[in-house]
């Protein structure tokens, strides 16, 4: 029990450092001790919004945010669960023009930068321009010391695990190792670094003191 307590303390100190540096870079940022605190904070932040887009995020689904918002009568654009009459492309397009876009990040540096690698680009586009409000939810496991370690995390951990979860035919999904492949199903095609808050988009980062997602 004591070991768990010390891990939580160490992660909390790390989380507060990240929040401080994210704020220096123009982002709104919060550290929450539990997933429920994160959910409550999201609901407070978005209470005036009606249309929500979701990127391909395990974290937001773990928190059941699409379901919670739907039960509140909100419109949810989720290409993982599209309505029968809408195509995958139509849903992804609407995500980027919602009142609020919710997603996670592949890595967040302790220096206050947000790093993502996409295959399609709907997430990276929606995060930077199109939605007036973006909320990024990330477990403490997504935090890396600097940009170099953030890219290493994506290459060695996040991308292979995501490819495996999607049952893709890529080398990393088979052996866990990135070979910078040319597979048709390669998901590492677009890389973005949010060094500072985009000029016309409000971005809030919520760090959660729990290991969540890839």
C-alpha atoms as a PDB file:
ATOM      1  CA  UNK A   1       0.000   0.000   0.000  1.00  0.00           C
ATOM      2  CA  UNK A   2       2.844   2.360   0.796  1.00  0.00           C
ATOM      3  CA  UNK A   3       4.389   1.729  -2.627  1.00  0.00           C
ATOM      4  CA  UNK A   4       1.134   2.788  -4.308  1.00  0.00           C
ATOM      5  CA  UNK A   5       1.075   5.908  -2.156  1.00  0.00           C
ATOM      6  CA  UNK A   6       4.593   6.904  -3.211  1.00  0.00           C
ATOM      7  CA  UNK A   7       3.891   6.246  -6.884  1.00  0.00           C
ATOM      8  CA  UNK A   8       0.828   8.473  -6.658  1.00  0.00           C
ATOM      9  CA  UNK A   9       2.879  11.184  -4.945  1.00  0.00           C
ATOM     10  CA  UNK A  10       5.639  11.043  -7.573  1.00  0.00           C
ATOM     11  CA  UNK A  11       3.114  11.188 -10.403  1.00  0.00           C
ATOM     12  CA  UNK A  12       1.333  14.089  -8.736  1.00  0.00           C
ATOM     13  CA  UNK A  13       4.556  16.088  -8.557  1.00  0.00           C
ATOM     14  CA  UNK A  14       5.228  15.309 -12.208  1.00  0.00           C
ATOM     15  CA  UNK A  15       1.673  16.249 -13.132  1.00  0.00           C
ATOM     16  CA  UNK A  16       1.922  19.634 -11.451  1.00  0.00           C
ATOM     17  CA  UNK A  17       5.176  20.369 -13.312  1.00  0.00           C
ATOM     18  CA  UNK A  18       3.513  19.553 -16.613  1.00  0.00           C
ATOM     19  CA  UNK A  19       0.462  21.689 -15.796  1.00  0.00           C
ATOM     20  CA  UNK A  20       2.681  24.639 -14.903  1.00  0.00           C
ATOM     21  CA  UNK A  21       4.571  24.429 -18.204  1.00  0.00           C
ATOM     22  CA  UNK A  22       1.425  23.880 -20.263  1.00  0.00           C
ATOM     23  CA  UNK A  23       0.008  27.076 -18.774  1.00  0.00           C
ATOM     24  CA  UNK A  24       3.225  28.926 -19.628  1.00  0.00           C
ATOM     25  CA  UNK A  25       2.656  27.827 -23.228  1.00  0.00           C
ATOM     26  CA  UNK A  26      -0.858  29.260 -23.293  1.00  0.00           C
ATOM     27  CA  UNK A  27      -2.895  26.123 -22.657  1.00  0.00           C
ATOM     28  CA  UNK A  28      -5.446  25.749 -19.910  1.00  0.00           C
ATOM     29  CA  UNK A  29      -4.360  22.794 -17.816  1.00  0.00           C
ATOM     30  CA  UNK A  30      -5.559  20.789 -14.835  1.00  0.00           C
ATOM     31  CA  UNK A  31      -4.350  17.800 -12.831  1.00  0.00           C
ATOM     32  CA  UNK A  32      -6.963  15.445 -11.413  1.00  0.00           C
ATOM     33  CA  UNK A  33      -6.383  12.695  -8.879  1.00  0.00           C
ATOM     34  CA  UNK A  34      -9.043  10.355 -10.299  1.00  0.00           C
ATOM     35  CA  UNK A  35     -10.907   9.660 -13.549  1.00  0.00           C
ATOM     36  CA  UNK A  36     -14.169  10.768 -11.931  1.00  0.00           C
ATOM     37  CA  UNK A  37     -12.674  14.170 -11.133  1.00  0.00           C
ATOM     38  CA  UNK A  38     -11.705  14.472 -14.795  1.00  0.00           C
ATOM     39  CA  UNK A  39     -15.231  13.568 -15.930  1.00  0.00           C
ATOM     40  CA  UNK A  40     -16.773  16.115 -13.555  1.00  0.00           C
ATOM     41  CA  UNK A  41     -14.386  18.793 -14.805  1.00  0.00           C
ATOM     42  CA  UNK A  42     -15.215  18.080 -18.446  1.00  0.00           C
ATOM     43  CA  UNK A  43     -18.950  18.318 -17.779  1.00  0.00           C
ATOM     44  CA  UNK A  44     -18.454  21.663 -16.050  1.00  0.00           C
ATOM     45  CA  UNK A  45     -16.346  23.028 -18.920  1.00  0.00           C
ATOM     46  CA  UNK A  46     -18.744  21.976 -21.698  1.00  0.00           C
ATOM     47  CA  UNK A  47     -22.148  22.624 -20.129  1.00  0.00           C
ATOM     48  CA  UNK A  48     -22.979  25.303 -22.724  1.00  0.00           C
ATOM     49  CA  UNK A  49     -21.842  23.197 -25.719  1.00  0.00           C
ATOM     50  CA  UNK A  50     -24.176  20.989 -27.753  1.00  0.00           C
ATOM     51  CA  UNK A  51     -22.153  19.276 -30.510  1.00  0.00           C
ATOM     52  CA  UNK A  52     -19.165  17.109 -29.638  1.00  0.00           C
ATOM     53  CA  UNK A  53     -16.566  15.416 -31.795  1.00  0.00           C
ATOM     54  CA  UNK A  54     -14.427  12.524 -30.592  1.00  0.00           C
ATOM     55  CA  UNK A  55     -11.081  11.455 -31.967  1.00  0.00           C
ATOM     56  CA  UNK A  56     -10.059   7.799 -32.021  1.00  0.00           C
ATOM     57  CA  UNK A  57      -9.231   7.819 -28.318  1.00  0.00           C
ATOM     58  CA  UNK A  58      -9.288   4.891 -25.902  1.00  0.00           C
ATOM     59  CA  UNK A  59      -8.992   7.351 -23.021  1.00  0.00           C
ATOM     60  CA  UNK A  60     -12.248   9.199 -23.709  1.00  0.00           C
ATOM     61  CA  UNK A  61     -14.051   5.854 -24.132  1.00  0.00           C
ATOM     62  CA  UNK A  62     -12.558   4.545 -20.893  1.00  0.00           C
ATOM     63  CA  UNK A  63     -14.123   7.591 -19.230  1.00  0.00           C
ATOM     64  CA  UNK A  64     -17.397   6.884 -21.115  1.00  0.00           C
ATOM     65  CA  UNK A  65     -17.584  10.507 -22.235  1.00  0.00           C
ATOM     66  CA  UNK A  66     -19.391   9.794 -25.541  1.00  0.00           C
ATOM     67  CA  UNK A  67     -22.067   7.846 -23.666  1.00  0.00           C
ATOM     68  CA  UNK A  68     -22.374  10.396 -20.869  1.00  0.00           C
ATOM     69  CA  UNK A  69     -22.869  13.263 -23.302  1.00  0.00           C
ATOM     70  CA  UNK A  70     -25.380  11.319 -25.387  1.00  0.00           C
ATOM     71  CA  UNK A  71     -27.385  10.550 -22.254  1.00  0.00           C
ATOM     72  CA  UNK A  72     -27.429  14.283 -21.552  1.00  0.00           C
ATOM     73  CA  UNK A  73     -29.070  14.833 -24.929  1.00  0.00           C
ATOM     74  CA  UNK A  74     -25.978  16.176 -26.683  1.00  0.00           C
ATOM     75  CA  UNK A  75     -25.067  15.483 -30.307  1.00  0.00           C
ATOM     76  CA  UNK A  76     -22.006  13.246 -30.534  1.00  0.00           C
ATOM     77  CA  UNK A  77     -19.922  12.661 -33.671  1.00  0.00           C
ATOM     78  CA  UNK A  78     -18.008   9.449 -33.099  1.00  0.00           C
ATOM     79  CA  UNK A  79     -16.625   7.497 -36.063  1.00  0.00           C
ATOM     80  CA  UNK A  80     -16.195   4.479 -33.781  1.00  0.00           C
ATOM     81  CA  UNK A  81     -19.975   4.438 -33.345  1.00  0.00           C
ATOM     82  CA  UNK A  82     -21.516   6.255 -36.329  1.00  0.00           C
ATOM     83  CA  UNK A  83     -25.268   6.449 -36.949  1.00  0.00           C
ATOM     84  CA  UNK A  84     -26.431   4.237 -39.799  1.00  0.00           C
ATOM     85  CA  UNK A  85     -27.085   7.033 -42.286  1.00  0.00           C
ATOM     86  CA  UNK A  86     -23.690   8.745 -41.970  1.00  0.00           C
ATOM     87  CA  UNK A  87     -20.455   7.633 -43.594  1.00  0.00           C
ATOM     88  CA  UNK A  88     -17.150   7.440 -41.762  1.00  0.00           C
ATOM     89  CA  UNK A  89     -15.858  10.443 -43.702  1.00  0.00           C
ATOM     90  CA  UNK A  90     -18.959  12.524 -42.932  1.00  0.00           C
ATOM     91  CA  UNK A  91     -18.595  11.857 -39.214  1.00  0.00           C
ATOM     92  CA  UNK A  92     -14.890  12.747 -39.230  1.00  0.00           C
ATOM     93  CA  UNK A  93     -15.660  15.998 -41.059  1.00  0.00           C
ATOM     94  CA  UNK A  94     -18.344  16.942 -38.527  1.00  0.00           C
ATOM     95  CA  UNK A  95     -15.978  16.196 -35.646  1.00  0.00           C
ATOM     96  CA  UNK A  96     -13.772  19.033 -36.818  1.00  0.00           C
ATOM     97  CA  UNK A  97     -16.630  21.546 -36.818  1.00  0.00           C
ATOM     98  CA  UNK A  98     -18.167  20.711 -33.455  1.00  0.00           C
ATOM     99  CA  UNK A  99     -18.582  23.045 -30.503  1.00  0.00           C
ATOM    100  CA  UNK A 100     -16.037  20.943 -28.643  1.00  0.00           C
ATOM    101  CA  UNK A 101     -13.580  18.257 -29.708  1.00  0.00           C
ATOM    102  CA  UNK A 102     -12.447  15.675 -27.153  1.00  0.00           C
ATOM    103  CA  UNK A 103      -9.421  13.470 -27.610  1.00  0.00           C
ATOM    104  CA  UNK A 104      -6.231  12.283 -25.980  1.00  0.00           C
ATOM    105  CA  UNK A 105      -2.574  12.778 -26.867  1.00  0.00           C
ATOM    106  CA  UNK A 106       0.130  10.317 -27.803  1.00  0.00           C
ATOM    107  CA  UNK A 107       2.578  12.135 -25.550  1.00  0.00           C
ATOM    108  CA  UNK A 108       2.843  15.307 -23.474  1.00  0.00           C
ATOM    109  CA  UNK A 109       6.267  16.599 -22.559  1.00  0.00           C
ATOM    110  CA  UNK A 110       7.127  17.884 -19.116  1.00  0.00           C
ATOM    111  CA  UNK A 111       8.208  21.037 -20.953  1.00  0.00           C
ATOM    112  CA  UNK A 112       4.576  21.673 -21.908  1.00  0.00           C
ATOM    113  CA  UNK A 113       4.259  20.469 -25.489  1.00  0.00           C
ATOM    114  CA  UNK A 114       1.617  18.134 -26.940  1.00  0.00           C
ATOM    115  CA  UNK A 115       2.735  15.552 -29.497  1.00  0.00           C
ATOM    116  CA  UNK A 116       0.492  13.469 -31.748  1.00  0.00           C
ATOM    117  CA  UNK A 117       0.913  11.081 -34.662  1.00  0.00           C
ATOM    118  CA  UNK A 118      -2.133  10.290 -36.833  1.00  0.00           C
ATOM    119  CA  UNK A 119      -2.984   8.104 -39.759  1.00  0.00           C
ATOM    120  CA  UNK A 120      -5.961  10.036 -41.169  1.00  0.00           C
ATOM    121  CA  UNK A 121      -5.524  13.498 -39.673  1.00  0.00           C
ATOM    122  CA  UNK A 122      -9.033  14.229 -38.419  1.00  0.00           C
ATOM    123  CA  UNK A 123      -7.753  14.383 -34.838  1.00  0.00           C
ATOM    124  CA  UNK A 124      -4.698  16.539 -35.522  1.00  0.00           C
ATOM    125  CA  UNK A 125      -6.741  18.896 -37.706  1.00  0.00           C
ATOM    126  CA  UNK A 126      -9.584  19.255 -35.199  1.00  0.00           C
ATOM    127  CA  UNK A 127      -7.115  19.906 -32.398  1.00  0.00           C
ATOM    128  CA  UNK A 128      -5.531  22.870 -34.155  1.00  0.00           C
ATOM    129  CA  UNK A 129      -8.324  24.608 -36.082  1.00  0.00           C
ATOM    130  CA  UNK A 130     -12.049  24.230 -36.661  1.00  0.00           C
ATOM    131  CA  UNK A 131     -13.504  23.649 -33.196  1.00  0.00           C
ATOM    132  CA  UNK A 132     -13.577  26.629 -30.830  1.00  0.00           C
ATOM    133  CA  UNK A 133     -12.898  24.363 -27.845  1.00  0.00           C
ATOM    134  CA  UNK A 134     -10.636  21.319 -27.557  1.00  0.00           C
ATOM    135  CA  UNK A 135     -10.247  19.172 -24.455  1.00  0.00           C
ATOM    136  CA  UNK A 136      -7.339  16.742 -24.257  1.00  0.00           C
ATOM    137  CA  UNK A 137      -7.556  14.047 -21.598  1.00  0.00           C
ATOM    138  CA  UNK A 138      -4.465  12.013 -20.821  1.00  0.00           C
ATOM    139  CA  UNK A 139      -3.307   9.567 -18.213  1.00  0.00           C
ATOM    140  CA  UNK A 140      -0.061  10.298 -16.418  1.00  0.00           C
ATOM    141  CA  UNK A 141       1.545   7.509 -18.462  1.00  0.00           C
ATOM    142  CA  UNK A 142       1.459   9.826 -21.493  1.00  0.00           C
ATOM    143  CA  UNK A 143       3.949  12.237 -19.896  1.00  0.00           C
ATOM    144  CA  UNK A 144       7.533  12.220 -21.210  1.00  0.00           C
ATOM    145  CA  UNK A 145      10.468  14.291 -20.030  1.00  0.00           C
ATOM    146  CA  UNK A 146      11.077  16.177 -23.290  1.00  0.00           C
ATOM    147  CA  UNK A 147      10.340  16.112 -27.010  1.00  0.00           C
ATOM    148  CA  UNK A 148      12.950  13.465 -27.733  1.00  0.00           C
ATOM    149  CA  UNK A 149      11.540  11.062 -25.166  1.00  0.00           C
ATOM    150  CA  UNK A 150       7.994  11.892 -26.318  1.00  0.00           C
ATOM    151  CA  UNK A 151       8.774  10.740 -29.847  1.00  0.00           C
ATOM    152  CA  UNK A 152      10.471   7.657 -28.454  1.00  0.00           C
ATOM    153  CA  UNK A 153       7.373   6.897 -26.401  1.00  0.00           C
ATOM    154  CA  UNK A 154       5.144   7.144 -29.462  1.00  0.00           C
ATOM    155  CA  UNK A 155       7.430   4.972 -31.564  1.00  0.00           C
ATOM    156  CA  UNK A 156       8.141   2.315 -28.944  1.00  0.00           C
ATOM    157  CA  UNK A 157       4.880   2.213 -26.967  1.00  0.00           C
ATOM    158  CA  UNK A 158       1.857   4.127 -28.241  1.00  0.00           C
ATOM    159  CA  UNK A 159       1.975   3.251 -31.951  1.00  0.00           C
ATOM    160  CA  UNK A 160       2.617  -0.513 -31.589  1.00  0.00           C
ATOM    161  CA  UNK A 161      -0.102  -0.850 -28.954  1.00  0.00           C
ATOM    162  CA  UNK A 162      -2.610   1.127 -31.011  1.00  0.00           C
ATOM    163  CA  UNK A 163      -1.814  -0.871 -34.154  1.00  0.00           C
ATOM    164  CA  UNK A 164      -2.211  -4.117 -32.203  1.00  0.00           C
ATOM    165  CA  UNK A 165      -5.543  -2.969 -30.749  1.00  0.00           C
ATOM    166  CA  UNK A 166      -6.824  -2.292 -34.268  1.00  0.00           C
ATOM    167  CA  UNK A 167      -5.593  -5.673 -35.571  1.00  0.00           C
ATOM    168  CA  UNK A 168      -3.577  -3.949 -38.274  1.00  0.00           C
ATOM    169  CA  UNK A 169      -1.227  -5.739 -40.643  1.00  0.00           C
ATOM    170  CA  UNK A 170       1.894  -3.788 -39.707  1.00  0.00           C
ATOM    171  CA  UNK A 171       5.258  -4.989 -38.394  1.00  0.00           C
ATOM    172  CA  UNK A 172       4.786  -3.193 -35.068  1.00  0.00           C
ATOM    173  CA  UNK A 173       1.455  -4.944 -34.499  1.00  0.00           C
ATOM    174  CA  UNK A 174       3.208  -8.286 -34.917  1.00  0.00           C
ATOM    175  CA  UNK A 175       6.432  -7.853 -32.954  1.00  0.00           C
ATOM    176  CA  UNK A 176       6.064  -4.554 -31.083  1.00  0.00           C
ATOM    177  CA  UNK A 177       8.939  -2.926 -32.949  1.00  0.00           C
ATOM    178  CA  UNK A 178       8.747   0.094 -35.253  1.00  0.00           C
ATOM    179  CA  UNK A 179      10.547  -0.445 -38.564  1.00  0.00           C
ATOM    180  CA  UNK A 180       9.434   2.833 -40.206  1.00  0.00           C
ATOM    181  CA  UNK A 181       7.371   0.617 -42.505  1.00  0.00           C
ATOM    182  CA  UNK A 182       5.591   1.303 -45.765  1.00  0.00           C
ATOM    183  CA  UNK A 183       2.609  -0.875 -44.886  1.00  0.00           C
ATOM    184  CA  UNK A 184      -0.693   0.240 -46.463  1.00  0.00           C
ATOM    185  CA  UNK A 185      -2.154   0.149 -42.951  1.00  0.00           C
ATOM    186  CA  UNK A 186       0.608   2.256 -41.401  1.00  0.00           C
ATOM    187  CA  UNK A 187      -0.934   4.662 -38.854  1.00  0.00           C
ATOM    188  CA  UNK A 188       2.113   6.926 -38.412  1.00  0.00           C
ATOM    189  CA  UNK A 189       1.594   9.389 -41.262  1.00  0.00           C
ATOM    190  CA  UNK A 190       1.014  12.837 -39.772  1.00  0.00           C
ATOM    191  CA  UNK A 191       2.957  14.333 -36.878  1.00  0.00           C
ATOM    192  CA  UNK A 192       1.990  17.489 -34.995  1.00  0.00           C
ATOM    193  CA  UNK A 193       3.621  19.301 -32.098  1.00  0.00           C
ATOM    194  CA  UNK A 194       1.622  21.918 -30.239  1.00  0.00           C
ATOM    195  CA  UNK A 195       4.470  24.071 -28.955  1.00  0.00           C
ATOM    196  CA  UNK A 196       1.996  26.769 -27.940  1.00  0.00           C
ATOM    197  CA  UNK A 197      -1.782  27.153 -27.935  1.00  0.00           C
ATOM    198  CA  UNK A 198      -3.054  27.748 -31.476  1.00  0.00           C
ATOM    199  CA  UNK A 199      -4.118  31.357 -31.897  1.00  0.00           C
ATOM    200  CA  UNK A 200      -7.809  30.728 -32.584  1.00  0.00           C
ATOM    201  CA  UNK A 201      -8.470  27.568 -30.559  1.00  0.00           C
ATOM    202  CA  UNK A 202      -8.987  27.220 -26.819  1.00  0.00           C
ATOM    203  CA  UNK A 203      -7.281  24.051 -25.612  1.00  0.00           C
ATOM    204  CA  UNK A 204      -7.653  22.534 -22.164  1.00  0.00           C
ATOM    205  CA  UNK A 205      -5.458  19.645 -21.056  1.00  0.00           C
ATOM    206  CA  UNK A 206      -6.662  17.417 -18.221  1.00  0.00           C
ATOM    207  CA  UNK A 207      -4.003  15.122 -16.778  1.00  0.00           C
ATOM    208  CA  UNK A 208      -5.265  12.188 -14.742  1.00  0.00           C
ATOM    209  CA  UNK A 209      -3.178  10.491 -12.052  1.00  0.00           C
ATOM    210  CA  UNK A 210      -3.789   7.040 -13.505  1.00  0.00           C
ATOM    211  CA  UNK A 211      -2.334   5.008 -16.363  1.00  0.00           C
ATOM    212  CA  UNK A 212      -4.958   5.199 -19.107  1.00  0.00           C
ATOM    213  CA  UNK A 213      -4.824   4.472 -22.818  1.00  0.00           C
ATOM    214  CA  UNK A 214      -1.835   3.868 -25.049  1.00  0.00           C
END
